[in-house]
PDB file of N, CA and C in Angstrom:
ATOM      1  N   MET A   1       0.919  -1.164   0.098  1.00  0.00           N
ATOM      2  CA  MET A   1      -0.087  -0.112   0.043  1.00  0.00           C
ATOM      3  C   MET A   1       0.962   1.218  -0.114  1.00  0.00           C
ATOM      4  N   GLY A   2       0.754   2.398  -0.812  1.00  0.00           N
ATOM      5  CA  GLY A   2       1.285   3.142  -0.968  1.00  0.00           C
ATOM      6  C   GLY A   2       1.186   4.347   0.389  1.00  0.00           C
ATOM      7  N   GLU A   3       2.322   5.352   0.517  1.00  0.00           N
ATOM      8  CA  GLU A   3       2.329   6.310   1.725  1.00  0.00           C
ATOM      9  C   GLU A   3       0.762   7.160   1.652  1.00  0.00           C
ATOM     10  N   GLN A   4       0.676   7.369   0.374  1.00  0.00           N
ATOM     11  CA  GLN A   4      -0.780   8.345   0.207  1.00  0.00           C
ATOM     12  C   GLN A   4      -1.803   7.573  -0.380  1.00  0.00           C
ATOM     13  N   SER A   5      -2.258   6.563  -0.052  1.00  0.00           N
ATOM     14  CA  SER A   5      -3.285   6.108  -0.620  1.00  0.00           C
ATOM     15  C   SER A   5      -4.488   6.929  -0.562  1.00  0.00           C
ATOM     16  N   LYS A   6      -5.191   6.803  -1.676  1.00  0.00           N
ATOM     17  CA  LYS A   6      -6.486   7.293  -1.750  1.00  0.00           C
ATOM     18  C   LYS A   6      -7.622   6.527  -1.203  1.00  0.00           C
ATOM     19  N   PHE A   7      -8.219   6.797  -0.395  1.00  0.00           N
ATOM     20  CA  PHE A   7      -9.499   5.568  -0.075  1.00  0.00           C
ATOM     21  C   PHE A   7     -10.816   6.208  -0.876  1.00  0.00           C
ATOM     22  N   VAL A   8     -11.310   5.239  -1.100  1.00  0.00           N
ATOM     23  CA  VAL A   8     -12.504   4.996  -2.111  1.00  0.00           C
ATOM     24  C   VAL A   8     -13.613   4.527  -1.565  1.00  0.00           C
ATOM     25  N   VAL A   9     -14.827   4.961  -1.656  1.00  0.00           N
ATOM     26  CA  VAL A   9     -16.286   4.194  -1.064  1.00  0.00           C
ATOM     27  C   VAL A   9     -16.560   2.911  -2.122  1.00  0.00           C
ATOM     28  N   VAL A  10     -16.489   1.931  -1.374  1.00  0.00           N
ATOM     29  CA  VAL A  10     -16.959   0.652  -2.307  1.00  0.00           C
ATOM     30  C   VAL A  10     -18.134   0.191  -2.146  1.00  0.00           C
ATOM     31  N   CYS A  11     -18.719   0.457  -0.913  1.00  0.00           N
ATOM     32  CA  CYS A  11     -20.173   0.225  -1.099  1.00  0.00           C
ATOM     33  C   CYS A  11     -20.896   1.054   0.034  1.00  0.00           C
ATOM     34  N   LYS A  12     -22.179   1.311   0.249  1.00  0.00           N
ATOM     35  CA  LYS A  12     -23.026   1.703   1.266  1.00  0.00           C
ATOM     36  C   LYS A  12     -23.793   0.976   1.934  1.00  0.00           C
ATOM     37  N   VAL A  13     -24.088   0.860   3.219  1.00  0.00           N
ATOM     38  CA  VAL A  13     -24.788   0.133   3.809  1.00  0.00           C
ATOM     39  C   VAL A  13     -25.851   0.783   5.206  1.00  0.00           C
ATOM     40  N   GLN A  14     -26.956   0.140   5.533  1.00  0.00           N
ATOM     41  CA  GLN A  14     -27.729   0.644   6.744  1.00  0.00           C
ATOM     42  C   GLN A  14     -27.268   0.321   7.853  1.00  0.00           C
ATOM     43  N   GLY A  15     -26.435   0.916   9.026  1.00  0.00           N
ATOM     44  CA  GLY A  15     -26.411   0.241  10.204  1.00  0.00           C
ATOM     45  C   GLY A  15     -24.805  -0.121  10.293  1.00  0.00           C
ATOM     46  N   GLU A  16     -24.522   0.090  11.450  1.00  0.00           N
ATOM     47  CA  GLU A  16     -22.901  -0.175  11.826  1.00  0.00           C
ATOM     48  C   GLU A  16     -22.698  -1.575  11.939  1.00  0.00           C
ATOM     49  N   LEU A  17     -23.772  -2.462  12.460  1.00  0.00           N
ATOM     50  CA  LEU A  17     -23.659  -4.092  12.788  1.00  0.00           C
ATOM     51  C   LEU A  17     -23.288  -4.433  11.202  1.00  0.00           C
ATOM     52  N   GLN A  18     -24.002  -4.270  10.391  1.00  0.00           N
ATOM     53  CA  GLN A  18     -23.595  -4.716   8.465  1.00  0.00           C
ATOM     54  C   GLN A  18     -22.432  -4.254   8.073  1.00  0.00           C
ATOM     55  N   ALA A  19     -22.254  -3.115   8.685  1.00  0.00           N
ATOM     56  CA  ALA A  19     -20.737  -2.517   7.758  1.00  0.00           C
ATOM     57  C   ALA A  19     -19.722  -2.806   8.821  1.00  0.00           C
ATOM     58  N   SER A  20     -19.942  -3.452  10.097  1.00  0.00           N
ATOM     59  CA  SER A  20     -18.863  -4.207  10.630  1.00  0.00           C
ATOM     60  C   SER A  20     -18.670  -5.481  10.356  1.00  0.00           C
ATOM     61  N   VAL A  21     -19.708  -6.244   9.681  1.00  0.00           N
ATOM     62  CA  VAL A  21     -19.524  -7.855   9.173  1.00  0.00           C
ATOM     63  C   VAL A  21     -18.597  -7.446   7.922  1.00  0.00           C
ATOM     64  N   ILE A  22     -19.048  -6.601   7.138  1.00  0.00           N
ATOM     65  CA  ILE A  22     -18.223  -6.428   5.776  1.00  0.00           C
ATOM     66  C   ILE A  22     -17.006  -5.922   6.228  1.00  0.00           C
ATOM     67  N   LYS A  23     -16.696  -5.115   7.152  1.00  0.00           N
ATOM     68  CA  LYS A  23     -15.297  -4.642   7.331  1.00  0.00           C
ATOM     69  C   LYS A  23     -14.575  -5.908   7.748  1.00  0.00           C
ATOM     70  N   ALA A  24     -14.872  -6.801   8.675  1.00  0.00           N
ATOM     71  CA  ALA A  24     -14.160  -7.927   9.105  1.00  0.00           C
ATOM     72  C   ALA A  24     -13.944  -8.896   7.980  1.00  0.00           C
ATOM     73  N   HIS A  25     -14.678  -8.869   7.118  1.00  0.00           N
ATOM     74  CA  HIS A  25     -14.710 -10.053   5.926  1.00  0.00           C
ATOM     75  C   HIS A  25     -13.566  -9.445   4.973  1.00  0.00           C
ATOM     76  N   LEU A  26     -13.551  -8.150   4.648  1.00  0.00           N
ATOM     77  CA  LEU A  26     -12.570  -7.575   3.971  1.00  0.00           C
ATOM     78  C   LEU A  26     -11.290  -7.510   4.361  1.00  0.00           C
ATOM     79  N   GLU A  27     -11.098  -7.251   5.578  1.00  0.00           N
ATOM     80  CA  GLU A  27      -9.870  -7.361   6.613  1.00  0.00           C
ATOM     81  C   GLU A  27      -9.468  -8.879   6.684  1.00  0.00           C
ATOM     82  N   SER A  28     -10.168  -9.801   6.813  1.00  0.00           N
ATOM     83  CA  SER A  28      -9.665 -11.248   6.738  1.00  0.00           C
ATOM     84  C   SER A  28      -8.948 -11.565   5.342  1.00  0.00           C
ATOM     85  N   GLU A  29      -9.520 -10.967   4.163  1.00  0.00           N
ATOM     86  CA  GLU A  29      -8.816 -11.002   2.823  1.00  0.00           C
ATOM     87  C   GLU A  29      -7.741 -10.074   2.798  1.00  0.00           C
ATOM     88  N   GLY A  30      -7.281  -9.369   3.687  1.00  0.00           N
ATOM     89  CA  GLY A  30      -5.844  -8.750   3.821  1.00  0.00           C
ATOM     90  C   GLY A  30      -6.303  -7.132   3.288  1.00  0.00           C
ATOM     91  N   ILE A  31      -7.458  -6.633   3.387  1.00  0.00           N
ATOM     92  CA  ILE A  31      -7.764  -5.239   2.603  1.00  0.00           C
ATOM     93  C   ILE A  31      -7.900  -4.460   3.863  1.00  0.00           C
ATOM     94  N   PRO A  32      -7.170  -3.200   3.895  1.00  0.00           N
ATOM     95  CA  PRO A  32      -7.512  -2.284   4.773  1.00  0.00           C
ATOM     96  C   PRO A  32      -8.706  -1.531   4.578  1.00  0.00           C
ATOM     97  N   VAL A  33      -9.608  -1.296   5.783  1.00  0.00           N
ATOM     98  CA  VAL A  33     -10.986  -0.543   5.600  1.00  0.00           C
ATOM     99  C   VAL A  33     -11.581   0.342   6.604  1.00  0.00           C
ATOM    100  N   LEU A  34     -11.905   1.530   6.040  1.00  0.00           N
ATOM    101  CA  LEU A  34     -12.382   2.500   7.047  1.00  0.00           C
ATOM    102  C   LEU A  34     -13.846   2.698   6.890  1.00  0.00           C
ATOM    103  N   LEU A  35     -14.417   2.977   7.938  1.00  0.00           N
ATOM    104  CA  LEU A  35     -16.063   3.126   8.060  1.00  0.00           C
ATOM    105  C   LEU A  35     -16.243   4.534   8.465  1.00  0.00           C
ATOM    106  N   LYS A  36     -17.156   4.979   7.376  1.00  0.00           N
ATOM    107  CA  LYS A  36     -17.652   6.416   7.586  1.00  0.00           C
ATOM    108  C   LYS A  36     -19.029   6.655   7.703  1.00  0.00           C
ATOM    109  N   TYR A  37     -19.320   7.286   8.617  1.00  0.00           N
ATOM    110  CA  TYR A  37     -20.862   7.586   9.020  1.00  0.00           C
ATOM    111  C   TYR A  37     -20.881   9.008   9.739  1.00  0.00           C
ATOM    112  N   ASP A  38     -22.367   9.188   9.513  1.00  0.00           N
ATOM    113  CA  ASP A  38     -22.746  10.591   9.974  1.00  0.00           C
ATOM    114  C   ASP A  38     -22.724  10.378  11.914  1.00  0.00           C
ATOM    115  N   SER A  39     -22.019  11.137  12.422  1.00  0.00           N
ATOM    116  CA  SER A  39     -22.037  10.945  13.952  1.00  0.00           C
ATOM    117  C   SER A  39     -23.162  11.129  14.319  1.00  0.00           C
ATOM    118  N   ALA A  40     -24.415  11.769  14.334  1.00  0.00           N
ATOM    119  CA  ALA A  40     -25.919  11.886  14.770  1.00  0.00           C
ATOM    120  C   ALA A  40     -26.414  10.582  14.616  1.00  0.00           C
ATOM    121  N   GLY A  41     -26.277   9.929  13.676  1.00  0.00           N
ATOM    122  CA  GLY A  41     -26.535   8.493  13.465  1.00  0.00           C
ATOM    123  C   GLY A  41     -26.504   7.366  14.429  1.00  0.00           C
ATOM    124  N   LYS A  42     -25.192   7.553  14.655  1.00  0.00           N
ATOM    125  CA  LYS A  42     -24.311   6.687  15.639  1.00  0.00           C
ATOM    126  C   LYS A  42     -24.931   7.017  17.181  1.00  0.00           C
ATOM    127  N   VAL A  43     -24.760   8.451  17.335  1.00  0.00           N
ATOM    128  CA  VAL A  43     -25.037   8.833  18.674  1.00  0.00           C
ATOM    129  C   VAL A  43     -26.639   8.638  19.460  1.00  0.00           C
ATOM    130  N   PHE A  44     -27.438   8.962  18.223  1.00  0.00           N
ATOM    131  CA  PHE A  44     -28.716   8.717  18.815  1.00  0.00           C
ATOM    132  C   PHE A  44     -29.341   7.414  18.124  1.00  0.00           C
ATOM    133  N   GLY A  45     -28.801   6.451  17.472  1.00  0.00           N
ATOM    134  CA  GLY A  45     -29.016   5.279  16.853  1.00  0.00           C
ATOM    135  C   GLY A  45     -30.205   5.368  16.014  1.00  0.00           C
ATOM    136  N   LEU A  46     -30.172   6.522  15.295  1.00  0.00           N
ATOM    137  CA  LEU A  46     -31.002   6.690  14.022  1.00  0.00           C
ATOM    138  C   LEU A  46     -30.627   5.899  12.760  1.00  0.00           C
ATOM    139  N   THR A  47     -31.617   5.405  12.361  1.00  0.00           N
ATOM    140  CA  THR A  47     -31.372   4.606  10.977  1.00  0.00           C
ATOM    141  C   THR A  47     -32.344   5.269   9.974  1.00  0.00           C
ATOM    142  N   VAL A  48     -32.922   6.129   9.983  1.00  0.00           N
ATOM    143  CA  VAL A  48     -33.652   6.593   8.969  1.00  0.00           C
ATOM    144  C   VAL A  48     -33.327   7.820   8.153  1.00  0.00           C
ATOM    145  N   ASP A  49     -33.726   8.154   6.989  1.00  0.00           N
ATOM    146  CA  ASP A  49     -33.306   9.211   6.143  1.00  0.00           C
ATOM    147  C   ASP A  49     -31.655   9.253   5.903  1.00  0.00           C
ATOM    148  N   GLY A  50     -31.262   8.325   5.901  1.00  0.00           N
ATOM    149  CA  GLY A  50     -29.699   8.036   5.642  1.00  0.00           C
ATOM    150  C   GLY A  50     -28.842   8.430   6.776  1.00  0.00           C
ATOM    151  N   LEU A  51     -29.423   8.700   7.982  1.00  0.00           N
ATOM    152  CA  LEU A  51     -28.741   8.721   9.200  1.00  0.00           C
ATOM    153  C   LEU A  51     -28.101   7.466   9.716  1.00  0.00           C
ATOM    154  N   GLY A  52     -28.404   6.462   9.320  1.00  0.00           N
ATOM    155  CA  GLY A  52     -27.936   5.271   9.697  1.00  0.00           C
ATOM    156  C   GLY A  52     -27.019   4.641   8.666  1.00  0.00           C
ATOM    157  N   GLU A  53     -26.599   5.497   7.659  1.00  0.00           N
ATOM    158  CA  GLU A  53     -26.071   5.157   6.477  1.00  0.00           C
ATOM    159  C   GLU A  53     -24.277   4.748   6.972  1.00  0.00           C
ATOM    160  N   VAL A  54     -23.979   4.088   6.529  1.00  0.00           N
ATOM    161  CA  VAL A  54     -22.308   3.827   6.643  1.00  0.00           C
ATOM    162  C   VAL A  54     -21.551   3.472   5.172  1.00  0.00           C
ATOM    163  N   ARG A  55     -20.922   4.311   5.047  1.00  0.00           N
ATOM    164  CA  ARG A  55     -19.830   4.040   3.984  1.00  0.00           C
ATOM    165  C   ARG A  55     -18.858   3.539   3.987  1.00  0.00           C
ATOM    166  N   ILE A  56     -18.448   2.420   3.295  1.00  0.00           N
ATOM    167  CA  ILE A  56     -17.293   1.425   3.368  1.00  0.00           C
ATOM    168  C   ILE A  56     -16.193   2.071   2.585  1.00  0.00           C
ATOM    169  N   LEU A  57     -15.174   2.391   2.910  1.00  0.00           N
ATOM    170  CA  LEU A  57     -13.850   2.926   2.295  1.00  0.00           C
ATOM    171  C   LEU A  57     -12.641   1.731   2.349  1.00  0.00           C
ATOM    172  N   VAL A  58     -11.884   1.760   1.001  1.00  0.00           N
ATOM    173  CA  VAL A  58     -10.920   1.102   1.138  1.00  0.00           C
ATOM    174  C   VAL A  58      -9.864   1.813   0.245  1.00  0.00           C
ATOM    175  N   PRO A  59      -8.462   1.545   0.409  1.00  0.00           N
ATOM    176  CA  PRO A  59      -7.312   2.182  -0.510  1.00  0.00           C
ATOM    177  C   PRO A  59      -7.728   1.954  -2.117  1.00  0.00           C
ATOM    178  N   GLN A  60      -7.724   2.994  -2.901  1.00  0.00           N
ATOM    179  CA  GLN A  60      -8.196   2.807  -4.334  1.00  0.00           C
ATOM    180  C   GLN A  60      -7.535   1.612  -4.962  1.00  0.00           C
ATOM    181  N   GLU A  61      -6.365   1.049  -4.622  1.00  0.00           N
ATOM    182  CA  GLU A  61      -5.444  -0.394  -5.201  1.00  0.00           C
ATOM    183  C   GLU A  61      -6.307  -1.230  -4.899  1.00  0.00           C
ATOM    184  N   PHE A  62      -7.091  -1.334  -3.902  1.00  0.00           N
ATOM    185  CA  PHE A  62      -8.024  -2.652  -3.456  1.00  0.00           C
ATOM    186  C   PHE A  62      -9.163  -2.401  -3.767  1.00  0.00           C
ATOM    187  N   ALA A  63      -9.889  -1.376  -4.564  1.00  0.00           N
ATOM    188  CA  ALA A  63     -11.086  -1.261  -4.610  1.00  0.00           C
ATOM    189  C   ALA A  63     -12.019  -2.445  -5.644  1.00  0.00           C
ATOM    190  N   GLU A  64     -11.339  -2.762  -6.467  1.00  0.00           N
ATOM    191  CA  GLU A  64     -11.950  -3.916  -7.394  1.00  0.00           C
ATOM    192  C   GLU A  64     -12.066  -5.072  -6.748  1.00  0.00           C
ATOM    193  N   ASP A  65     -10.903  -5.445  -5.874  1.00  0.00           N
ATOM    194  CA  ASP A  65     -11.005  -6.472  -5.224  1.00  0.00           C
ATOM    195  C   ASP A  65     -12.065  -6.612  -4.312  1.00  0.00           C
ATOM    196  N   ALA A  66     -12.321  -5.564  -3.492  1.00  0.00           N
ATOM    197  CA  ALA A  66     -13.144  -5.336  -2.411  1.00  0.00           C
ATOM    198  C   ALA A  66     -14.609  -5.410  -3.015  1.00  0.00           C
ATOM    199  N   LYS A  67     -14.729  -4.901  -4.214  1.00  0.00           N
ATOM    200  CA  LYS A  67     -16.193  -4.932  -4.802  1.00  0.00           C
ATOM    201  C   LYS A  67     -16.377  -6.264  -4.997  1.00  0.00           C
ATOM    202  N   ARG A  68     -15.707  -7.070  -5.494  1.00  0.00           N
ATOM    203  CA  ARG A  68     -15.627  -8.321  -6.036  1.00  0.00           C
ATOM    204  C   ARG A  68     -15.927  -9.210  -4.670  1.00  0.00           C
ATOM    205  N   ILE A  69     -15.434  -8.884  -3.813  1.00  0.00           N
ATOM    206  CA  ILE A  69     -15.529  -9.720  -2.650  1.00  0.00           C
ATOM    207  C   ILE A  69     -17.024  -9.517  -2.132  1.00  0.00           C
ATOM    208  N   ILE A  70     -17.394  -8.342  -2.160  1.00  0.00           N
ATOM    209  CA  ILE A  70     -18.538  -7.576  -1.016  1.00  0.00           C
ATOM    210  C   ILE A  70     -19.859  -8.286  -2.221  1.00  0.00           C
ATOM    211  N   GLU A  71     -19.716  -8.179  -3.483  1.00  0.00           N
ATOM    212  CA  GLU A  71     -21.098  -8.062  -4.372  1.00  0.00           C
ATOM    213  C   GLU A  71     -21.712  -9.591  -4.159  1.00  0.00           C
ATOM    214  N   PRO A  72     -21.031 -10.752  -4.048  1.00  0.00           N
ATOM    215  CA  PRO A  72     -21.750 -11.783  -3.895  1.00  0.00           C
ATOM    216  C   PRO A  72     -22.462 -12.014  -2.709  1.00  0.00           C
ATOM    217  N   ARG A  73     -22.326 -11.218  -1.547  1.00  0.00           N
ATOM    218  CA  ARG A  73     -22.853 -11.110  -0.129  1.00  0.00           C
ATOM    219  C   ARG A  73     -24.191 -10.694  -0.440  1.00  0.00           C
ATOM    220  N   GLY A  74     -24.761  -9.683  -1.425  1.00  0.00           N
ATOM    221  CA  GLY A  74     -26.067  -9.512  -1.648  1.00  0.00           C
ATOM    222  C   GLY A  74     -26.369  -8.496  -0.507  1.00  0.00           C
ATOM    223  N   ASP A  75     -25.613  -7.962   0.412  1.00  0.00           N
ATOM    224  CA  ASP A  75     -26.138  -7.195   1.816  1.00  0.00           C
ATOM    225  C   ASP A  75     -25.572  -5.792   1.489  1.00  0.00           C
ATOM    226  N   SER A  76     -25.386  -5.212   0.401  1.00  0.00           N
ATOM    227  CA  SER A  76     -25.062  -3.825   0.388  1.00  0.00           C
ATOM    228  C   SER A  76     -25.228  -3.220  -1.276  1.00  0.00           C
ATOM    229  N   GLU A  77     -25.436  -2.013  -1.458  1.00  0.00           N
ATOM    230  CA  GLU A  77     -25.483  -1.378  -2.567  1.00  0.00           C
ATOM    231  C   GLU A  77     -24.103  -1.142  -3.132  1.00  0.00           C
ATOM    232  N   THR A  78     -23.568  -1.904  -3.929  1.00  0.00           N
ATOM    233  CA  THR A  78     -22.257  -1.482  -4.455  1.00  0.00           C
ATOM    234  C   THR A  78     -22.136  -0.460  -5.285  1.00  0.00           C
ATOM    235  N   GLU A  79     -21.454   0.449  -5.125  1.00  0.00           N
ATOM    236  CA  GLU A  79     -21.422   1.901  -6.314  1.00  0.00           C
ATOM    237  C   GLU A  79     -20.622   1.530  -7.585  1.00  0.00           C
ATOM    238  N   GLN A  80     -21.088   1.711  -8.629  1.00  0.00           N
ATOM    239  CA  GLN A  80     -20.531   1.628 -10.097  1.00  0.00           C
ATOM    240  C   GLN A  80     -19.743   2.631 -10.196  1.00  0.00           C
TER     241      GLN A  80
END
C-alpha cells in the first residue's frame, strides 16, 4: 500500500452492525478498511433518512477486489 493511498467508497450499507461484518470480511482478505458515518446516526441510534448509512472505504488499489468480495454477499449497494 502506498504512503498516500486515496481511500474510495466501495459500498454503502444501513447500520453499523452490517458495516462491521463487511469490514471484518474484507480485513480477513487483507484489505484495509475505514468506516465513515454521520455522527448523529451513531450517537442517537438513528437509521432513517440516511442517518444510519455507513460508507465502507478502502484504498483505491484494493477497490476492485473489495467490490468483488462484497458483491456476492448481496447485503450492500455496490457503487459503480
